[in-house]
Amino acid sequence: MSDLNPYTTPPPQPAAAPGRITRALLGLIMRPARVAAVETLSPRFRLIDLEGDELKGVAWLPGQKVQVGIGAGFSRRTYTPLLWDADAGRTRLLVFLHGDGPGSQWAGSLRKGDACQFFGPRRSLDMSRGDEPVVLFGDETSFALAMALQGNFPVAELMFEVSDAKESRGVLTAIGLGRAIVVERRDGDAHLSAIGADLSRHVASGARFVLTGRAQSIQSVSQALKKSGMASSSVKSKAYWSPGKSGLD
C-alpha cells in the first residue's frame, strides 16, 4: 500500500488547538491511534489503516461504527470499519471524500505516522442475528459496510446509487466487491424507482434488507419494498447523510 497521494487535495484550514481541559476529556473517552498506511484508490476514496495498543483486544462486529476526531474540540466524523484485527491492534477505514468539508479535508491530508483519536467501535447497525441472505442498498458512503458484511454474512445482492459509475466500479473492484451493481444518479431521483423495482424481486425469498446512505433515497426504496410485501422486521436502515444536514450518524 502506498501512503503517497498522487491527487491534489485542498489543505485543511488551520484550527485552534484544543484547550487543556478538552485534551484531558478526550484522553479519557477516546482511543489514540496512528495512521499505519494510506492508499488512494481514486480522487475521492482513501483506504486508511489505523493501529495502536488501544485497538488490541477490542470486540468488534460488522456494521459497527467509529467516530474519528478531525479537529479541535469534539468535532468528529463517523466511519464503518471494514475489518478489525484485535490481535495486531489494527483497523481499516474506507473514506469517501464527500464534498470539501472538514471530514474530506482531514482524510485527504492524512499521512502515514499521523496521530488521531476516535470513539468506538459502537453500535450502528445491529447485524448480529439472522442467517438469511442480505440485500444491501446504499451509495458511496456504504461501500465500507458492504465489505464488512460480505466477509461475515451471506450476501444476495449489493446495489449502490453513485455519482460516477466508472470511479465507483474501480473502487469496488479494488476492495473485492466487483460484482456489486452501480446505478448513476439521475435528475429528480428518477433512478430510484428502477432500483426499488429491481430489489423488490428479493422480497419473496425472505432476504434481509439493509438500506443505508442518503435519507431520501432510503425512504424511496423502502416504500417500494413495502409495496411488494416486505415485512418491517426484514429491513434495517441507517441514514448516513442528508443534503444540508450533518451528524446523522
Protein backbone atom coordinates (compact mmCIF):
# COMPACT_ATOMS: atom_id res chain seq x y z
CA MET A 1 0.00 0.00 0.00
CA SER A 2 1.19 3.49 -0.79
CA ASP A 3 0.98 6.48 1.54
CA LEU A 4 1.61 8.89 -1.31
CA ASN A 5 -1.34 10.85 -2.65
CA PRO A 6 -1.00 11.50 -6.40
CA TYR A 7 -4.09 13.70 -6.41
CA THR A 8 -4.21 17.29 -5.36
CA THR A 9 -6.30 17.76 -2.22
CA PRO A 10 -7.04 21.17 -0.72
CA PRO A 11 -5.11 21.50 2.58
CA PRO A 12 -7.26 21.65 5.71
CA GLN A 13 -7.92 25.02 7.23
CA PRO A 14 -5.87 25.61 10.38
CA ALA A 15 -7.83 25.00 13.57
CA ALA A 16 -7.22 26.21 17.08
CA ALA A 17 -5.57 23.63 19.30
CA PRO A 18 -7.90 22.16 21.93
CA GLY A 19 -7.55 23.55 25.46
CA ARG A 20 -6.09 21.69 28.42
CA ILE A 21 -9.46 20.58 29.81
CA THR A 22 -10.67 19.46 26.40
CA ARG A 23 -7.48 17.46 25.82
CA ALA A 24 -7.90 15.78 29.21
CA LEU A 25 -11.51 14.83 28.47
CA LEU A 26 -10.63 13.49 25.03
CA GLY A 27 -7.84 11.39 26.53
CA LEU A 28 -10.32 9.73 28.88
CA ILE A 29 -13.01 8.83 26.36
CA MET A 30 -11.20 8.35 23.04
CA ARG A 31 -8.78 5.72 21.76
CA PRO A 32 -5.43 7.02 20.49
CA ALA A 33 -4.17 5.57 17.21
CA ARG A 34 -1.67 6.32 14.49
CA VAL A 35 -2.03 6.12 10.74
CA ALA A 36 -0.26 2.96 9.58
CA ALA A 37 -0.99 3.38 5.87
CA VAL A 38 -2.98 5.48 3.43
CA GLU A 39 -3.86 4.24 -0.05
CA THR A 40 -5.50 6.44 -2.65
CA LEU A 41 -7.96 4.33 -4.64
CA SER A 42 -9.39 7.22 -6.68
CA PRO A 43 -9.65 11.01 -6.42
CA ARG A 44 -12.41 10.65 -3.80
CA PHE A 45 -11.67 7.37 -1.97
CA ARG A 46 -8.97 6.60 0.58
CA LEU A 47 -8.17 3.33 2.38
CA ILE A 48 -6.82 4.23 5.81
CA ASP A 49 -5.22 1.78 8.25
CA LEU A 50 -5.09 2.77 11.92
CA GLU A 51 -3.06 0.95 14.54
CA GLY A 52 -2.21 1.17 18.22
CA ASP A 53 -2.16 -0.67 21.51
CA GLU A 54 -5.62 0.65 22.39
CA LEU A 55 -7.04 -1.25 19.40
CA LYS A 56 -5.87 -4.62 20.74
CA GLY A 57 -8.37 -6.97 22.38
CA VAL A 58 -11.31 -4.92 21.13
CA ALA A 59 -14.60 -6.72 20.41
CA TRP A 60 -15.91 -5.59 17.00
CA LEU A 61 -18.96 -6.65 15.00
CA PRO A 62 -19.59 -5.91 11.29
CA GLY A 63 -21.80 -2.84 10.94
CA GLN A 64 -20.45 -1.05 14.00
CA LYS A 65 -19.06 2.47 13.68
CA VAL A 66 -16.17 4.57 14.93
CA GLN A 67 -16.22 8.34 15.32
CA VAL A 68 -12.87 9.91 14.49
CA GLY A 69 -11.78 13.27 15.85
CA ILE A 70 -10.92 15.55 12.94
CA GLY A 71 -10.07 18.87 14.54
CA ALA A 72 -10.28 21.00 17.62
CA GLY A 73 -12.69 20.18 20.41
CA PHE A 74 -15.16 17.38 19.85
CA SER A 75 -15.52 17.70 16.08
CA ARG A 76 -15.70 14.20 14.57
CA ARG A 77 -16.84 12.14 11.59
CA THR A 78 -18.34 8.65 11.56
CA TYR A 79 -16.93 5.72 9.58
CA THR A 80 -17.67 2.00 9.32
CA PRO A 81 -14.57 -0.19 9.76
CA LEU A 82 -14.03 -2.76 7.01
CA LEU A 83 -12.25 -5.09 9.40
CA TRP A 84 -10.63 -5.20 12.83
CA ASP A 85 -7.57 -7.21 13.84
CA ALA A 86 -7.81 -7.32 17.64
CA ASP A 87 -4.55 -9.26 17.97
CA ALA A 88 -2.45 -6.84 15.95
CA GLY A 89 -4.37 -3.75 17.13
CA ARG A 90 -5.28 -2.57 13.65
CA THR A 91 -8.41 -1.47 11.82
CA ARG A 92 -9.15 -0.25 8.30
CA LEU A 93 -11.44 2.51 7.06
CA LEU A 94 -12.64 3.35 3.57
CA VAL A 95 -13.28 7.08 3.43
CA PHE A 96 -15.31 8.83 0.74
CA LEU A 97 -14.31 12.46 0.30
CA HIS A 98 -17.83 13.83 0.12
CA GLY A 99 -17.57 17.49 -0.89
CA ASP A 100 -14.95 19.80 0.61
CA GLY A 101 -15.99 19.77 4.27
CA PRO A 102 -13.83 19.14 7.35
CA GLY A 103 -14.10 15.36 7.04
CA SER A 104 -12.90 15.35 3.45
CA GLN A 105 -10.07 17.74 4.25
CA TRP A 106 -8.98 15.54 7.16
CA ALA A 107 -8.98 12.32 5.14
CA GLY A 108 -7.36 13.96 2.11
CA SER A 109 -4.45 15.32 4.15
CA LEU A 110 -3.63 12.20 6.22
CA ARG A 111 -0.13 10.75 6.01
CA LYS A 112 1.48 7.65 7.43
CA GLY A 113 2.54 8.28 11.02
CA ASP A 114 -0.11 10.91 11.77
CA ALA A 115 -1.83 10.60 15.15
CA CYS A 116 -5.58 10.51 15.63
CA GLN A 117 -8.21 9.64 18.21
CA PHE A 118 -11.61 8.02 17.95
CA PHE A 119 -14.64 6.74 19.84
CA GLY A 120 -15.75 3.17 19.41
CA PRO A 121 -16.41 0.77 17.98
CA ARG A 122 -20.05 1.43 18.83
CA ARG A 123 -23.38 0.09 17.69
CA SER A 124 -24.76 1.50 14.44
CA LEU A 125 -26.47 -1.35 12.57
CA ASP A 126 -27.27 -4.50 14.56
CA MET A 127 -26.45 -7.39 12.24
CA SER A 128 -25.82 -9.96 14.95
CA ARG A 129 -28.93 -12.10 14.35
CA GLY A 130 -30.29 -13.94 11.35
CA ASP A 131 -28.89 -16.28 8.73
CA GLU A 132 -30.97 -15.01 5.80
CA PRO A 133 -29.14 -13.61 2.76
CA VAL A 134 -28.54 -9.86 2.92
CA VAL A 135 -29.57 -7.37 0.24
CA LEU A 136 -27.77 -4.05 0.69
CA PHE A 137 -28.75 -0.75 -0.89
CA GLY A 138 -26.62 2.33 -0.39
CA ASP A 139 -24.26 4.79 -2.05
CA GLU A 140 -20.58 5.71 -1.93
CA THR A 141 -20.78 6.11 1.85
CA SER A 142 -21.94 2.47 2.12
CA PHE A 143 -19.02 0.71 0.41
CA ALA A 144 -17.22 0.01 3.69
CA LEU A 145 -20.33 -1.52 5.25
CA ALA A 146 -20.78 -3.72 2.18
CA MET A 147 -17.26 -5.08 2.50
CA ALA A 148 -17.70 -5.78 6.22
CA LEU A 149 -20.99 -7.58 5.60
CA GLN A 150 -19.69 -9.64 2.68
CA GLY A 151 -16.93 -11.07 4.82
CA ASN A 152 -19.31 -12.16 7.56
CA PHE A 153 -22.79 -12.82 6.10
CA PRO A 154 -24.32 -14.45 3.02
CA VAL A 155 -24.92 -11.57 0.60
CA ALA A 156 -27.58 -11.89 -2.11
CA GLU A 157 -27.04 -8.51 -3.75
CA LEU A 158 -25.21 -5.20 -3.37
CA MET A 159 -26.66 -2.17 -5.16
CA PHE A 160 -25.43 1.42 -4.98
CA GLU A 161 -26.57 4.74 -6.36
CA VAL A 162 -23.46 6.73 -7.32
CA SER A 163 -22.49 9.98 -8.98
CA ASP A 164 -19.63 8.47 -11.02
CA ALA A 165 -20.15 4.87 -12.13
CA LYS A 166 -16.63 4.45 -13.57
CA GLU A 167 -14.89 5.63 -10.43
CA SER A 168 -17.17 3.58 -8.18
CA ARG A 169 -16.71 0.37 -10.18
CA GLY A 170 -12.96 0.76 -9.96
CA VAL A 171 -13.04 1.24 -6.19
CA LEU A 172 -15.47 -1.63 -5.64
CA THR A 173 -13.29 -3.95 -7.70
CA ALA A 174 -10.20 -2.88 -5.75
CA ILE A 175 -11.81 -3.82 -2.41
CA GLY A 176 -13.22 -7.12 -3.65
CA LEU A 177 -16.79 -6.05 -4.43
CA GLY A 178 -16.60 -6.18 -8.21
CA ARG A 179 -19.94 -7.99 -8.52
CA ALA A 180 -21.85 -5.09 -6.95
CA ILE A 181 -24.34 -3.21 -9.12
CA VAL A 182 -23.91 0.55 -9.51
CA VAL A 183 -26.59 2.91 -10.83
CA GLU A 184 -25.76 6.50 -11.66
CA ARG A 185 -27.93 9.17 -10.09
CA ARG A 186 -30.36 10.95 -12.38
CA ASP A 187 -32.03 14.33 -12.12
CA GLY A 188 -35.09 14.27 -9.94
CA ASP A 189 -34.07 10.87 -8.48
CA ALA A 190 -35.61 9.14 -11.50
CA HIS A 191 -33.25 6.19 -10.99
CA LEU A 192 -34.74 5.27 -7.60
CA SER A 193 -37.97 3.82 -8.96
CA ALA A 194 -35.99 1.33 -11.06
CA ILE A 195 -33.82 0.42 -8.07
CA GLY A 196 -36.86 -0.18 -5.88
CA ALA A 197 -38.49 -2.37 -8.51
CA ASP A 198 -35.31 -4.38 -9.04
CA LEU A 199 -34.67 -5.01 -5.34
CA SER A 200 -38.31 -5.99 -4.80
CA ARG A 201 -37.65 -9.33 -6.50
CA HIS A 202 -35.82 -10.41 -3.34
CA VAL A 203 -38.84 -9.90 -1.08
CA ALA A 204 -40.33 -13.33 -1.76
CA SER A 205 -37.03 -15.05 -0.95
CA GLY A 206 -37.12 -13.91 2.66
CA ALA A 207 -33.92 -11.88 2.38
CA ARG A 208 -32.88 -9.28 4.94
CA PHE A 209 -32.69 -5.75 3.55
CA VAL A 210 -30.14 -3.20 4.73
CA LEU A 211 -30.79 0.33 3.45
CA THR A 212 -28.09 2.96 4.00
CA GLY A 213 -26.75 6.20 2.57
CA ARG A 214 -28.86 9.26 1.75
CA ALA A 215 -32.02 9.61 3.85
CA GLN A 216 -34.29 10.49 0.92
CA SER A 217 -33.11 7.51 -1.15
CA ILE A 218 -33.67 5.13 1.75
CA GLN A 219 -37.24 6.36 2.09
CA SER A 220 -37.97 5.90 -1.61
CA VAL A 221 -36.55 2.37 -1.80
CA SER A 222 -38.20 1.36 1.47
CA GLN A 223 -41.60 2.42 0.18
CA ALA A 224 -41.15 0.33 -2.96
CA LEU A 225 -40.16 -2.72 -0.93
CA LYS A 226 -43.14 -2.37 1.41
CA LYS A 227 -45.50 -2.20 -1.56
CA SER A 228 -44.01 -5.52 -2.67
CA GLY A 229 -44.88 -7.10 0.67
CA MET A 230 -41.66 -6.67 2.64
CA ALA A 231 -42.23 -7.08 6.38
CA SER A 232 -40.93 -4.33 8.66
CA SER A 233 -38.93 -6.92 10.58
CA SER A 234 -36.97 -7.75 7.42
CA VAL A 235 -35.36 -4.35 6.99
CA LYS A 236 -32.73 -2.32 8.81
CA SER A 237 -31.96 1.22 7.71
CA LYS A 238 -29.38 3.84 8.59
CA ALA A 239 -29.20 7.28 7.05
CA TYR A 240 -25.57 8.38 6.79
CA TRP A 241 -26.32 11.78 5.33
CA SER A 242 -28.94 14.17 4.01
CA PRO A 243 -28.41 17.30 1.90
CA GLY A 244 -27.87 20.32 4.14
CA LYS A 245 -27.56 18.28 7.33
CA SER A 246 -24.67 16.85 9.29
CA GLY A 247 -24.23 14.50 12.20
CA LEU A 248 -26.88 11.96 11.19
CA ASP A 249 -24.70 9.09 12.39
